[in-house]
PDB file of all heavy atoms in Angstrom:
ATOM      1  N   ALA A   1       0.828  -1.212   0.000  1.00  0.00           N
ATOM      2  CA  ALA A   1       0.000   0.001   0.003  1.00  0.00           C
ATOM      3  C   ALA A   1       0.859   1.263   0.004  1.00  0.00           C
ATOM      4  O   ALA A   1       0.528   2.236  -0.679  1.00  0.00           O
ATOM      5  CB  ALA A   1      -0.917  -0.011   1.210  1.00  0.00           C
ATOM      6  N   PHE A   2       1.969   1.239   0.736  1.00  0.00           N
ATOM      7  CA  PHE A   2       2.815   2.418   0.787  1.00  0.00           C
ATOM      8  C   PHE A   2       3.399   2.733  -0.586  1.00  0.00           C
ATOM      9  O   PHE A   2       3.460   3.886  -0.996  1.00  0.00           O
ATOM     10  CB  PHE A   2       3.947   2.212   1.810  1.00  0.00           C
ATOM     11  CG  PHE A   2       4.744   3.452   2.087  1.00  0.00           C
ATOM     12  CD1 PHE A   2       4.184   4.506   2.787  1.00  0.00           C
ATOM     13  CD2 PHE A   2       6.057   3.558   1.649  1.00  0.00           C
ATOM     14  CE1 PHE A   2       4.911   5.657   3.040  1.00  0.00           C
ATOM     15  CE2 PHE A   2       6.789   4.701   1.885  1.00  0.00           C
ATOM     16  CZ  PHE A   2       6.223   5.763   2.591  1.00  0.00           C
ATOM     17  N   HIS A   3       3.808   1.694  -1.321  1.00  0.00           N
ATOM     18  CA  HIS A   3       4.370   1.889  -2.654  1.00  0.00           C
ATOM     19  C   HIS A   3       3.300   2.340  -3.644  1.00  0.00           C
ATOM     20  O   HIS A   3       3.487   3.286  -4.398  1.00  0.00           O
ATOM     21  CB  HIS A   3       5.019   0.601  -3.147  1.00  0.00           C
ATOM     22  CG  HIS A   3       5.476   0.663  -4.583  1.00  0.00           C
ATOM     23  ND1 HIS A   3       4.632   0.420  -5.641  1.00  0.00           N
ATOM     24  CD2 HIS A   3       6.677   0.964  -5.136  1.00  0.00           C
ATOM     25  CE1 HIS A   3       5.290   0.558  -6.771  1.00  0.00           C
ATOM     26  NE2 HIS A   3       6.536   0.896  -6.491  1.00  0.00           N
ATOM     27  N   ASP A   4       2.167   1.657  -3.626  1.00  0.00           N
ATOM     28  CA  ASP A   4       1.158   1.903  -4.673  1.00  0.00           C
ATOM     29  C   ASP A   4       0.254   3.102  -4.381  1.00  0.00           C
ATOM     30  O   ASP A   4      -0.088   3.854  -5.296  1.00  0.00           O
ATOM     31  CB  ASP A   4       0.284   0.652  -4.840  1.00  0.00           C
ATOM     32  CG  ASP A   4       0.911  -0.371  -5.747  1.00  0.00           C
ATOM     33  OD1 ASP A   4       2.155  -0.412  -5.803  1.00  0.00           O
ATOM     34  OD2 ASP A   4       0.193  -1.124  -6.392  1.00  0.00           O
ATOM     35  N   ASP A   5      -0.134   3.256  -3.131  1.00  0.00           N
ATOM     36  CA  ASP A   5      -1.199   4.233  -2.818  1.00  0.00           C
ATOM     37  C   ASP A   5      -0.742   5.458  -2.021  1.00  0.00           C
ATOM     38  O   ASP A   5      -1.472   6.423  -1.937  1.00  0.00           O
ATOM     39  CB  ASP A   5      -2.328   3.514  -2.055  1.00  0.00           C
ATOM     40  CG  ASP A   5      -2.960   2.411  -2.881  1.00  0.00           C
ATOM     41  OD1 ASP A   5      -3.813   2.733  -3.732  1.00  0.00           O
ATOM     42  OD2 ASP A   5      -2.593   1.248  -2.695  1.00  0.00           O
ATOM     43  N   PHE A   6       0.446   5.394  -1.436  1.00  0.00           N
ATOM     44  CA  PHE A   6       0.946   6.527  -0.639  1.00  0.00           C
ATOM     45  C   PHE A   6       2.200   7.123  -1.237  1.00  0.00           C
ATOM     46  O   PHE A   6       2.807   8.004  -0.621  1.00  0.00           O
ATOM     47  CB  PHE A   6       1.196   6.081   0.803  1.00  0.00           C
ATOM     48  CG  PHE A   6      -0.039   5.740   1.581  1.00  0.00           C
ATOM     49  CD1 PHE A   6      -0.632   4.500   1.469  1.00  0.00           C
ATOM     50  CD2 PHE A   6      -0.630   6.680   2.438  1.00  0.00           C
ATOM     51  CE1 PHE A   6      -1.780   4.179   2.180  1.00  0.00           C
ATOM     52  CE2 PHE A   6      -1.776   6.361   3.138  1.00  0.00           C
ATOM     53  CZ  PHE A   6      -2.355   5.122   3.023  1.00  0.00           C
ATOM     54  N   SER A   7       2.613   6.655  -2.391  1.00  0.00           N
ATOM     55  CA  SER A   7       3.867   7.149  -2.988  1.00  0.00           C
ATOM     56  C   SER A   7       3.693   8.590  -3.479  1.00  0.00           C
ATOM     57  O   SER A   7       2.583   9.028  -3.784  1.00  0.00           O
ATOM     58  CB  SER A   7       4.292   6.250  -4.159  1.00  0.00           C
ATOM     59  OG  SER A   7       3.309   6.273  -5.171  1.00  0.00           O
ATOM     60  N   GLU A   8       4.807   9.274  -3.582  1.00  0.00           N
ATOM     61  CA  GLU A   8       4.779  10.673  -4.071  1.00  0.00           C
ATOM     62  C   GLU A   8       4.267  10.730  -5.489  1.00  0.00           C
ATOM     63  O   GLU A   8       3.509  11.624  -5.868  1.00  0.00           O
ATOM     64  CB  GLU A   8       6.183  11.261  -3.972  1.00  0.00           C
ATOM     65  CG  GLU A   8       6.291  12.679  -4.520  1.00  0.00           C
ATOM     66  CD  GLU A   8       7.713  13.206  -4.522  1.00  0.00           C
ATOM     67  OE1 GLU A   8       8.630  12.462  -4.083  1.00  0.00           O
ATOM     68  OE2 GLU A   8       7.915  14.363  -4.970  1.00  0.00           O
ATOM     69  N   HIS A   9       4.699   9.785  -6.297  1.00  0.00           N
ATOM     70  CA  HIS A   9       4.293   9.742  -7.715  1.00  0.00           C
ATOM     71  C   HIS A   9       3.331   8.597  -7.945  1.00  0.00           C
ATOM     72  O   HIS A   9       3.578   7.465  -7.575  1.00  0.00           O
ATOM     73  CB  HIS A   9       5.530   9.585  -8.606  1.00  0.00           C
ATOM     74  CG  HIS A   9       6.547  10.658  -8.441  1.00  0.00           C
ATOM     75  ND1 HIS A   9       6.397  11.929  -8.953  1.00  0.00           N
ATOM     76  CD2 HIS A   9       7.738  10.663  -7.763  1.00  0.00           C
ATOM     77  CE1 HIS A   9       7.438  12.665  -8.638  1.00  0.00           C
ATOM     78  NE2 HIS A   9       8.257  11.935  -7.913  1.00  0.00           N
ATOM     79  N   ASN A  10       2.225   8.904  -8.580  1.00  0.00           N
ATOM     80  CA  ASN A  10       1.237   7.906  -8.905  1.00  0.00           C
ATOM     81  C   ASN A  10       0.459   8.427 -10.098  1.00  0.00           C
ATOM     82  O   ASN A  10      -0.416   9.277  -9.956  1.00  0.00           O
ATOM     83  CB  ASN A  10       0.290   7.644  -7.722  1.00  0.00           C
ATOM     84  CG  ASN A  10      -0.642   6.477  -7.956  1.00  0.00           C
ATOM     85  OD1 ASN A  10      -1.357   6.449  -8.919  1.00  0.00           O
ATOM     86  ND2 ASN A  10      -0.633   5.514  -7.023  1.00  0.00           N
ATOM     87  N   SER A  11       0.824   7.943 -11.271  1.00  0.00           N
ATOM     88  CA  SER A  11       0.276   8.525 -12.507  1.00  0.00           C
ATOM     89  C   SER A  11      -0.274   7.444 -13.434  1.00  0.00           C
ATOM     90  O   SER A  11       0.431   6.944 -14.310  1.00  0.00           O
ATOM     91  CB  SER A  11       1.323   9.362 -13.226  1.00  0.00           C
ATOM     92  OG  SER A  11       2.514   8.587 -13.414  1.00  0.00           O
ATOM     93  N   PRO A  12      -1.549   7.074 -13.246  1.00  0.00           N
ATOM     94  CA  PRO A  12      -2.172   6.098 -14.145  1.00  0.00           C
ATOM     95  C   PRO A  12      -2.317   6.677 -15.564  1.00  0.00           C
ATOM     96  O   PRO A  12      -2.266   7.895 -15.766  1.00  0.00           O
ATOM     97  CB  PRO A  12      -3.550   5.868 -13.525  1.00  0.00           C
ATOM     98  CG  PRO A  12      -3.434   6.360 -12.114  1.00  0.00           C
ATOM     99  CD  PRO A  12      -2.441   7.482 -12.158  1.00  0.00           C
ATOM    100  N   VAL A  13      -2.488   5.799 -16.529  1.00  0.00           N
ATOM    101  CA  VAL A  13      -2.699   6.196 -17.923  1.00  0.00           C
ATOM    102  C   VAL A  13      -3.804   5.341 -18.521  1.00  0.00           C
ATOM    103  O   VAL A  13      -4.099   4.257 -18.026  1.00  0.00           O
ATOM    104  CB  VAL A  13      -1.420   6.024 -18.775  1.00  0.00           C
ATOM    105  CG1 VAL A  13      -0.327   6.971 -18.351  1.00  0.00           C
ATOM    106  CG2 VAL A  13      -0.925   4.569 -18.726  1.00  0.00           C
ATOM    107  N   TYR A  14      -4.430   5.838 -19.569  1.00  0.00           N
ATOM    108  CA  TYR A  14      -5.284   4.986 -20.391  1.00  0.00           C
ATOM    109  C   TYR A  14      -4.358   4.122 -21.258  1.00  0.00           C
ATOM    110  O   TYR A  14      -3.279   4.550 -21.683  1.00  0.00           O
ATOM    111  CB  TYR A  14      -6.202   5.825 -21.272  1.00  0.00           C
ATOM    112  CG  TYR A  14      -7.368   6.419 -20.517  1.00  0.00           C
ATOM    113  CD1 TYR A  14      -7.354   7.746 -20.120  1.00  0.00           C
ATOM    114  CD2 TYR A  14      -8.470   5.638 -20.174  1.00  0.00           C
ATOM    115  CE1 TYR A  14      -8.423   8.302 -19.422  1.00  0.00           C
ATOM    116  CE2 TYR A  14      -9.545   6.165 -19.476  1.00  0.00           C
ATOM    117  CZ  TYR A  14      -9.517   7.505 -19.105  1.00  0.00           C
ATOM    118  OH  TYR A  14     -10.554   8.029 -18.390  1.00  0.00           O
ATOM    119  N   PHE A  15      -4.782   2.908 -21.505  1.00  0.00           N
ATOM    120  CA  PHE A  15      -3.946   1.967 -22.269  1.00  0.00           C
ATOM    121  C   PHE A  15      -3.540   2.543 -23.600  1.00  0.00           C
ATOM    122  O   PHE A  15      -2.375   2.435 -24.009  1.00  0.00           O
ATOM    123  CB  PHE A  15      -4.701   0.638 -22.444  1.00  0.00           C
ATOM    124  CG  PHE A  15      -3.974  -0.322 -23.349  1.00  0.00           C
ATOM    125  CD1 PHE A  15      -2.824  -0.937 -22.948  1.00  0.00           C
ATOM    126  CD2 PHE A  15      -4.470  -0.588 -24.636  1.00  0.00           C
ATOM    127  CE1 PHE A  15      -2.145  -1.810 -23.786  1.00  0.00           C
ATOM    128  CE2 PHE A  15      -3.812  -1.451 -25.475  1.00  0.00           C
ATOM    129  CZ  PHE A  15      -2.636  -2.075 -25.054  1.00  0.00           C
ATOM    130  N   GLY A  16      -4.488   3.162 -24.305  1.00  0.00           N
ATOM    131  CA  GLY A  16      -4.161   3.733 -25.606  1.00  0.00           C
ATOM    132  C   GLY A  16      -3.069   4.778 -25.533  1.00  0.00           C
ATOM    133  O   GLY A  16      -2.200   4.866 -26.396  1.00  0.00           O
ATOM    134  N   GLU A  17      -3.073   5.582 -24.446  1.00  0.00           N
ATOM    135  CA  GLU A  17      -2.017   6.576 -24.260  1.00  0.00           C
ATOM    136  C   GLU A  17      -0.670   5.917 -24.018  1.00  0.00           C
ATOM    137  O   GLU A  17       0.364   6.384 -24.505  1.00  0.00           O
ATOM    138  CB  GLU A  17      -2.380   7.480 -23.062  1.00  0.00           C
ATOM    139  CG  GLU A  17      -3.624   8.320 -23.263  1.00  0.00           C
ATOM    140  CD  GLU A  17      -4.021   9.060 -21.998  1.00  0.00           C
ATOM    141  OE1 GLU A  17      -3.574   8.658 -20.909  1.00  0.00           O
ATOM    142  OE2 GLU A  17      -4.790  10.026 -22.108  1.00  0.00           O
ATOM    143  N   MET A  18      -0.691   4.826 -23.256  1.00  0.00           N
ATOM    144  CA  MET A  18       0.541   4.097 -23.002  1.00  0.00           C
ATOM    145  C   MET A  18       1.154   3.567 -24.296  1.00  0.00           C
ATOM    146  O   MET A  18       2.367   3.692 -24.533  1.00  0.00           O
ATOM    147  CB  MET A  18       0.274   2.940 -22.027  1.00  0.00           C
ATOM    148  CG  MET A  18       1.511   2.132 -21.637  1.00  0.00           C
ATOM    149  SD  MET A  18       2.660   3.096 -20.659  1.00  0.00           S
ATOM    150  CE  MET A  18       3.911   1.861 -20.306  1.00  0.00           C
ATOM    151  N   VAL A  19       0.334   2.990 -25.132  1.00  0.00           N
ATOM    152  CA  VAL A  19       0.833   2.445 -26.382  1.00  0.00           C
ATOM    153  C   VAL A  19       1.363   3.544 -27.282  1.00  0.00           C
ATOM    154  O   VAL A  19       2.421   3.385 -27.932  1.00  0.00           O
ATOM    155  CB  VAL A  19      -0.254   1.621 -27.110  1.00  0.00           C
ATOM    156  CG1 VAL A  19       0.218   1.188 -28.488  1.00  0.00           C
ATOM    157  CG2 VAL A  19      -0.632   0.398 -26.281  1.00  0.00           C
ATOM    158  N   GLU A  20       0.711   4.704 -27.314  1.00  0.00           N
ATOM    159  CA  GLU A  20       1.214   5.825 -28.101  1.00  0.00           C
ATOM    160  C   GLU A  20       2.607   6.239 -27.627  1.00  0.00           C
ATOM    161  O   GLU A  20       3.513   6.475 -28.438  1.00  0.00           O
ATOM    162  CB  GLU A  20       0.268   7.019 -27.993  1.00  0.00           C
ATOM    163  CG  GLU A  20      -1.024   6.881 -28.785  1.00  0.00           C
ATOM    164  CD  GLU A  20      -1.911   8.113 -28.639  1.00  0.00           C
ATOM    165  OE1 GLU A  20      -1.419   9.138 -28.104  1.00  0.00           O
ATOM    166  OE2 GLU A  20      -3.084   8.045 -29.043  1.00  0.00           O
ATOM    167  N   ASN A  21       2.778   6.330 -26.326  1.00  0.00           N
ATOM    168  CA  ASN A  21       4.077   6.707 -25.764  1.00  0.00           C
ATOM    169  C   ASN A  21       5.133   5.669 -26.070  1.00  0.00           C
ATOM    170  O   ASN A  21       6.282   5.998 -26.428  1.00  0.00           O
ATOM    171  CB  ASN A  21       3.944   6.910 -24.265  1.00  0.00           C
ATOM    172  CG  ASN A  21       5.059   7.748 -23.680  1.00  0.00           C
ATOM    173  OD1 ASN A  21       5.843   8.356 -24.406  1.00  0.00           O
ATOM    174  ND2 ASN A  21       5.178   7.762 -22.371  1.00  0.00           N
ATOM    175  N   VAL A  22       4.777   4.416 -25.945  1.00  0.00           N
ATOM    176  CA  VAL A  22       5.721   3.318 -26.236  1.00  0.00           C
ATOM    177  C   VAL A  22       6.149   3.367 -27.707  1.00  0.00           C
ATOM    178  O   VAL A  22       7.318   3.186 -28.047  1.00  0.00           O
ATOM    179  CB  VAL A  22       5.078   1.962 -25.873  1.00  0.00           C
ATOM    180  CG1 VAL A  22       5.824   0.822 -26.512  1.00  0.00           C
ATOM    181  CG2 VAL A  22       5.029   1.783 -24.357  1.00  0.00           C
ATOM    182  N   ARG A  23       5.190   3.608 -28.596  1.00  0.00           N
ATOM    183  CA  ARG A  23       5.497   3.642 -30.032  1.00  0.00           C
ATOM    184  C   ARG A  23       6.421   4.801 -30.376  1.00  0.00           C
ATOM    185  O   ARG A  23       7.225   4.701 -31.306  1.00  0.00           O
ATOM    186  CB  ARG A  23       4.210   3.680 -30.841  1.00  0.00           C
ATOM    187  CG  ARG A  23       3.477   2.333 -30.869  1.00  0.00           C
ATOM    188  CD  ARG A  23       2.139   2.410 -31.540  1.00  0.00           C
ATOM    189  NE  ARG A  23       1.553   1.075 -31.708  1.00  0.00           N
ATOM    190  CZ  ARG A  23       0.320   0.845 -32.145  1.00  0.00           C
ATOM    191  NH1 ARG A  23      -0.502   1.865 -32.417  1.00  0.00           N
ATOM    192  NH2 ARG A  23      -0.121  -0.399 -32.261  1.00  0.00           N
ATOM    193  N   GLU A  24       6.300   5.891 -29.644  1.00  0.00           N
ATOM    194  CA  GLU A  24       7.195   7.030 -29.886  1.00  0.00           C
ATOM    195  C   GLU A  24       8.636   6.660 -29.563  1.00  0.00           C
ATOM    196  O   GLU A  24       9.566   7.333 -30.044  1.00  0.00           O
ATOM    197  CB  GLU A  24       6.774   8.224 -29.029  1.00  0.00           C
ATOM    198  CG  GLU A  24       5.470   8.874 -29.521  1.00  0.00           C
ATOM    199  CD  GLU A  24       5.024   9.995 -28.595  1.00  0.00           C
ATOM    200  OE1 GLU A  24       5.707  10.257 -27.583  1.00  0.00           O
ATOM    201  OE2 GLU A  24       3.984  10.620 -28.891  1.00  0.00           O
ATOM    202  N   HIS A  25       8.834   5.610 -28.774  1.00  0.00           N
ATOM    203  CA  HIS A  25      10.170   5.164 -28.420  1.00  0.00           C
ATOM    204  C   HIS A  25      10.614   3.944 -29.225  1.00  0.00           C
ATOM    205  O   HIS A  25      11.554   3.237 -28.837  1.00  0.00           O
ATOM    206  CB  HIS A  25      10.251   4.851 -26.910  1.00  0.00           C
ATOM    207  CG  HIS A  25      10.228   6.072 -26.047  1.00  0.00           C
ATOM    208  ND1 HIS A  25       9.068   6.744 -25.715  1.00  0.00           N
ATOM    209  CD2 HIS A  25      11.244   6.772 -25.488  1.00  0.00           C
ATOM    210  CE1 HIS A  25       9.365   7.763 -24.969  1.00  0.00           C
ATOM    211  NE2 HIS A  25      10.666   7.829 -24.793  1.00  0.00           N
ATOM    212  N   GLY A  26       9.949   3.677 -30.326  1.00  0.00           N
ATOM    213  CA  GLY A  26      10.380   2.578 -31.202  1.00  0.00           C
ATOM    214  C   GLY A  26       9.983   1.194 -30.738  1.00  0.00           C
ATOM    215  O   GLY A  26      10.555   0.214 -31.193  1.00  0.00           O
ATOM    216  N   LEU A  27       9.019   1.105 -29.831  1.00  0.00           N
ATOM    217  CA  LEU A  27       8.538  -0.173 -29.342  1.00  0.00           C
ATOM    218  C   LEU A  27       7.067  -0.318 -29.716  1.00  0.00           C
ATOM    219  O   LEU A  27       6.437   0.604 -30.197  1.00  0.00           O
ATOM    220  CB  LEU A  27       8.697  -0.264 -27.825  1.00  0.00           C
ATOM    221  CG  LEU A  27      10.107  -0.086 -27.266  1.00  0.00           C
ATOM    222  CD1 LEU A  27      10.083   0.042 -25.748  1.00  0.00           C
ATOM    223  CD2 LEU A  27      11.009  -1.252 -27.691  1.00  0.00           C
ATOM    224  N   ASP A  28       6.517  -1.514 -29.486  1.00  0.00           N
ATOM    225  CA  ASP A  28       5.107  -1.738 -29.780  1.00  0.00           C
ATOM    226  C   ASP A  28       4.549  -2.748 -28.793  1.00  0.00           C
ATOM    227  O   ASP A  28       5.275  -3.569 -28.215  1.00  0.00           O
ATOM    228  CB  ASP A  28       4.912  -2.230 -31.214  1.00  0.00           C
ATOM    229  CG  ASP A  28       3.495  -1.943 -31.753  1.00  0.00           C
ATOM    230  OD1 ASP A  28       2.646  -1.475 -30.951  1.00  0.00           O
ATOM    231  OD2 ASP A  28       3.260  -2.185 -32.933  1.00  0.00           O
ATOM    232  N   PHE A  29       3.240  -2.704 -28.621  1.00  0.00           N
ATOM    233  CA  PHE A  29       2.533  -3.638 -27.740  1.00  0.00           C
ATOM    234  C   PHE A  29       2.444  -4.998 -28.409  1.00  0.00           C
ATOM    235  O   PHE A  29       1.987  -5.102 -29.539  1.00  0.00           O
ATOM    236  CB  PHE A  29       1.149  -3.090 -27.446  1.00  0.00           C
ATOM    237  CG  PHE A  29       0.261  -4.027 -26.679  1.00  0.00           C
ATOM    238  CD1 PHE A  29       0.502  -4.288 -25.342  1.00  0.00           C
ATOM    239  CD2 PHE A  29      -0.818  -4.646 -27.280  1.00  0.00           C
ATOM    240  CE1 PHE A  29      -0.320  -5.148 -24.602  1.00  0.00           C
ATOM    241  CE2 PHE A  29      -1.643  -5.512 -26.568  1.00  0.00           C
ATOM    242  CZ  PHE A  29      -1.401  -5.761 -25.232  1.00  0.00           C
ATOM    243  N   LEU A  30       2.858  -6.037 -27.667  1.00  0.00           N
ATOM    244  CA  LEU A  30       2.759  -7.404 -28.179  1.00  0.00           C
ATOM    245  C   LEU A  30       1.524  -8.102 -27.605  1.00  0.00           C
ATOM    246  O   LEU A  30       0.680  -8.583 -28.333  1.00  0.00           O
ATOM    247  CB  LEU A  30       4.011  -8.207 -27.819  1.00  0.00           C
ATOM    248  CG  LEU A  30       3.984  -9.685 -28.236  1.00  0.00           C
ATOM    249  CD1 LEU A  30       3.978  -9.817 -29.766  1.00  0.00           C
ATOM    250  CD2 LEU A  30       5.152 -10.440 -27.644  1.00  0.00           C
ATOM    251  N   ALA A  31       1.430  -8.125 -26.273  1.00  0.00           N
ATOM    252  CA  ALA A  31       0.310  -8.816 -25.631  1.00  0.00           C
ATOM    253  C   ALA A  31       0.320  -8.490 -24.154  1.00  0.00           C
ATOM    254  O   ALA A  31       1.327  -8.013 -23.625  1.00  0.00           O
ATOM    255  CB  ALA A  31       0.418 -10.326 -25.808  1.00  0.00           C
ATOM    256  N   GLU A  32      -0.776  -8.771 -23.499  1.00  0.00           N
ATOM    257  CA  GLU A  32      -0.788  -8.685 -22.055  1.00  0.00           C
ATOM    258  C   GLU A  32      -0.147  -9.953 -21.510  1.00  0.00           C
ATOM    259  O   GLU A  32      -0.290 -11.038 -22.090  1.00  0.00           O
ATOM    260  CB  GLU A  32      -2.241  -8.555 -21.542  1.00  0.00           C
ATOM    261  CG  GLU A  32      -2.359  -7.971 -20.172  1.00  0.00           C
ATOM    262  CD  GLU A  32      -1.916  -6.522 -20.079  1.00  0.00           C
ATOM    263  OE1 GLU A  32      -1.567  -5.909 -21.119  1.00  0.00           O
ATOM    264  OE2 GLU A  32      -1.913  -5.995 -18.970  1.00  0.00           O
ATOM    265  N   ALA A  33       0.589  -9.837 -20.414  1.00  0.00           N
ATOM    266  CA  ALA A  33       1.323 -10.988 -19.856  1.00  0.00           C
ATOM    267  C   ALA A  33       0.386 -11.829 -18.975  1.00  0.00           C
ATOM    268  O   ALA A  33       0.765 -12.272 -17.887  1.00  0.00           O
ATOM    269  CB  ALA A  33       2.522 -10.505 -19.062  1.00  0.00           C
ATOM    270  N   LEU A  34      -0.834 -12.060 -19.465  1.00  0.00           N
ATOM    271  CA  LEU A  34      -1.822 -12.841 -18.755  1.00  0.00           C
ATOM    272  C   LEU A  34      -2.524 -13.762 -19.734  1.00  0.00           C
ATOM    273  O   LEU A  34      -2.941 -13.320 -20.810  1.00  0.00           O
ATOM    274  CB  LEU A  34      -2.878 -11.937 -18.078  1.00  0.00           C
ATOM    275  CG  LEU A  34      -2.385 -10.950 -17.014  1.00  0.00           C
ATOM    276  CD1 LEU A  34      -3.521  -9.987 -16.654  1.00  0.00           C
ATOM    277  CD2 LEU A  34      -1.921 -11.695 -15.781  1.00  0.00           C
ATOM    278  N   PHE A  35      -2.688 -15.019 -19.371  1.00  0.00           N
ATOM    279  CA  PHE A  35      -3.400 -15.945 -20.246  1.00  0.00           C
ATOM    280  C   PHE A  35      -4.876 -15.572 -20.324  1.00  0.00           C
ATOM    281  O   PHE A  35      -5.548 -15.942 -21.283  1.00  0.00           O
ATOM    282  CB  PHE A  35      -3.243 -17.363 -19.726  1.00  0.00           C
ATOM    283  CG  PHE A  35      -1.859 -17.925 -19.941  1.00  0.00           C
ATOM    284  CD1 PHE A  35      -0.968 -18.016 -18.889  1.00  0.00           C
ATOM    285  CD2 PHE A  35      -1.469 -18.349 -21.196  1.00  0.00           C
ATOM    286  CE1 PHE A  35       0.302 -18.517 -19.098  1.00  0.00           C
ATOM    287  CE2 PHE A  35      -0.183 -18.864 -21.415  1.00  0.00           C
ATOM    288  CZ  PHE A  35       0.704 -18.941 -20.345  1.00  0.00           C
ATOM    289  N   LEU A  36      -5.370 -14.829 -19.343  1.00  0.00           N
ATOM    290  CA  LEU A  36      -6.771 -14.396 -19.341  1.00  0.00           C
ATOM    291  C   LEU A  36      -7.120 -13.646 -20.626  1.00  0.00           C
ATOM    292  O   LEU A  36      -8.228 -13.738 -21.128  1.00  0.00           O
ATOM    293  CB  LEU A  36      -7.041 -13.513 -18.129  1.00  0.00           C
ATOM    294  CG  LEU A  36      -8.445 -12.917 -17.991  1.00  0.00           C
ATOM    295  CD1 LEU A  36      -9.460 -14.020 -17.777  1.00  0.00           C
ATOM    296  CD2 LEU A  36      -8.494 -11.906 -16.861  1.00  0.00           C
ATOM    297  N   ASN A  37      -6.167 -12.909 -21.174  1.00  0.00           N
ATOM    298  CA  ASN A  37      -6.456 -12.087 -22.340  1.00  0.00           C
ATOM    299  C   ASN A  37      -6.630 -12.908 -23.619  1.00  0.00           C
ATOM    300  O   ASN A  37      -7.074 -12.375 -24.633  1.00  0.00           O
ATOM    301  CB  ASN A  37      -5.349 -11.035 -22.534  1.00  0.00           C
ATOM    302  CG  ASN A  37      -5.573  -9.842 -21.624  1.00  0.00           C
ATOM    303  OD1 ASN A  37      -5.731  -9.993 -20.421  1.00  0.00           O
ATOM    304  ND2 ASN A  37      -5.593  -8.662 -22.202  1.00  0.00           N
ATOM    305  N   PHE A  38      -6.246 -14.161 -23.596  1.00  0.00           N
ATOM    306  CA  PHE A  38      -6.437 -14.996 -24.770  1.00  0.00           C
ATOM    307  C   PHE A  38      -7.824 -15.635 -24.788  1.00  0.00           C
ATOM    308  O   PHE A  38      -8.340 -15.950 -25.857  1.00  0.00           O
ATOM    309  CB  PHE A  38      -5.374 -16.103 -24.831  1.00  0.00           C
ATOM    310  CG  PHE A  38      -3.998 -15.580 -25.119  1.00  0.00           C
ATOM    311  CD1 PHE A  38      -3.094 -15.375 -24.094  1.00  0.00           C
ATOM    312  CD2 PHE A  38      -3.616 -15.267 -26.405  1.00  0.00           C
ATOM    313  CE1 PHE A  38      -1.815 -14.900 -24.343  1.00  0.00           C
ATOM    314  CE2 PHE A  38      -2.347 -14.787 -26.681  1.00  0.00           C
ATOM    315  CZ  PHE A  38      -1.444 -14.595 -25.644  1.00  0.00           C
ATOM    316  N   ASP A  39      -8.386 -15.851 -23.627  1.00  0.00           N
ATOM    317  CA  ASP A  39      -9.697 -16.527 -23.573  1.00  0.00           C
ATOM    318  C   ASP A  39     -10.364 -16.143 -22.262  1.00  0.00           C
ATOM    319  O   ASP A  39     -10.248 -16.831 -21.261  1.00  0.00           O
ATOM    320  CB  ASP A  39      -9.523 -18.042 -23.671  1.00  0.00           C
ATOM    321  CG  ASP A  39     -10.872 -18.757 -23.829  1.00  0.00           C
ATOM    322  OD1 ASP A  39     -11.894 -18.073 -23.775  1.00  0.00           O
ATOM    323  OD2 ASP A  39     -10.863 -19.978 -23.996  1.00  0.00           O
ATOM    324  N   ASP A  40     -11.051 -15.034 -22.265  1.00  0.00           N
ATOM    325  CA  ASP A  40     -11.749 -14.576 -21.066  1.00  0.00           C
ATOM    326  C   ASP A  40     -13.140 -15.206 -21.015  1.00  0.00           C
ATOM    327  O   ASP A  40     -14.069 -14.755 -21.690  1.00  0.00           O
ATOM    328  CB  ASP A  40     -11.843 -13.044 -21.056  1.00  0.00           C
ATOM    329  CG  ASP A  40     -12.333 -12.507 -19.735  1.00  0.00           C
ATOM    330  OD1 ASP A  40     -12.879 -13.303 -18.947  1.00  0.00           O
ATOM    331  OD2 ASP A  40     -12.160 -11.308 -19.483  1.00  0.00           O
ATOM    332  N   GLY A  41     -13.273 -16.261 -20.231  1.00  0.00           N
ATOM    333  CA  GLY A  41     -14.541 -16.970 -20.139  1.00  0.00           C
ATOM    334  C   GLY A  41     -15.658 -16.137 -19.530  1.00  0.00           C
ATOM    335  O   GLY A  41     -16.820 -16.548 -19.579  1.00  0.00           O
ATOM    336  N   ARG A  42     -15.328 -14.963 -18.966  1.00  0.00           N
ATOM    337  CA  ARG A  42     -16.359 -14.118 -18.365  1.00  0.00           C
ATOM    338  C   ARG A  42     -17.153 -13.344 -19.426  1.00  0.00           C
ATOM    339  O   ARG A  42     -18.221 -12.822 -19.122  1.00  0.00           O
ATOM    340  CB  ARG A  42     -15.727 -13.124 -17.397  1.00  0.00           C
ATOM    341  CG  ARG A  42     -14.953 -13.763 -16.261  1.00  0.00           C
ATOM    342  CD  ARG A  42     -14.160 -12.727 -15.465  1.00  0.00           C
ATOM    343  NE  ARG A  42     -13.229 -12.011 -16.312  1.00  0.00           N
ATOM    344  CZ  ARG A  42     -12.441 -11.021 -15.883  1.00  0.00           C
ATOM    345  NH1 ARG A  42     -12.514 -10.632 -14.629  1.00  0.00           N
ATOM    346  NH2 ARG A  42     -11.597 -10.435 -16.707  1.00  0.00           N
ATOM    347  N   LEU A  43     -16.625 -13.252 -20.636  1.00  0.00           N
ATOM    348  CA  LEU A  43     -17.268 -12.463 -21.684  1.00  0.00           C
ATOM    349  C   LEU A  43     -18.098 -13.381 -22.595  1.00  0.00           C
ATOM    350  O   LEU A  43     -17.576 -14.364 -23.129  1.00  0.00           O
ATOM    351  CB  LEU A  43     -16.235 -11.720 -22.507  1.00  0.00           C
ATOM    352  CG  LEU A  43     -15.332 -10.742 -21.746  1.00  0.00           C
ATOM    353  CD1 LEU A  43     -14.373 -10.062 -22.706  1.00  0.00           C
ATOM    354  CD2 LEU A  43     -16.157  -9.698 -20.993  1.00  0.00           C
ATOM    355  N   SER A  44     -19.323 -13.027 -22.790  1.00  0.00           N
ATOM    356  CA  SER A  44     -20.171 -13.811 -23.690  1.00  0.00           C
ATOM    357  C   SER A  44     -19.780 -13.544 -25.130  1.00  0.00           C
ATOM    358  O   SER A  44     -19.079 -12.574 -25.445  1.00  0.00           O
ATOM    359  CB  SER A  44     -21.654 -13.429 -23.476  1.00  0.00           C
ATOM    360  OG  SER A  44     -21.866 -12.081 -23.914  1.00  0.00           O
TER     361      SER A  44
END
């Protein structure tokens, strides 16, 4: 909690903004590091 919620710096982003910033540095989004993103059984 001290690191995540009480830290001096805490700056969330929208995912699309993150990818834009990453692409400006010559990188690109490959995948989320979670198997859930390949087959989310919660979604109809």
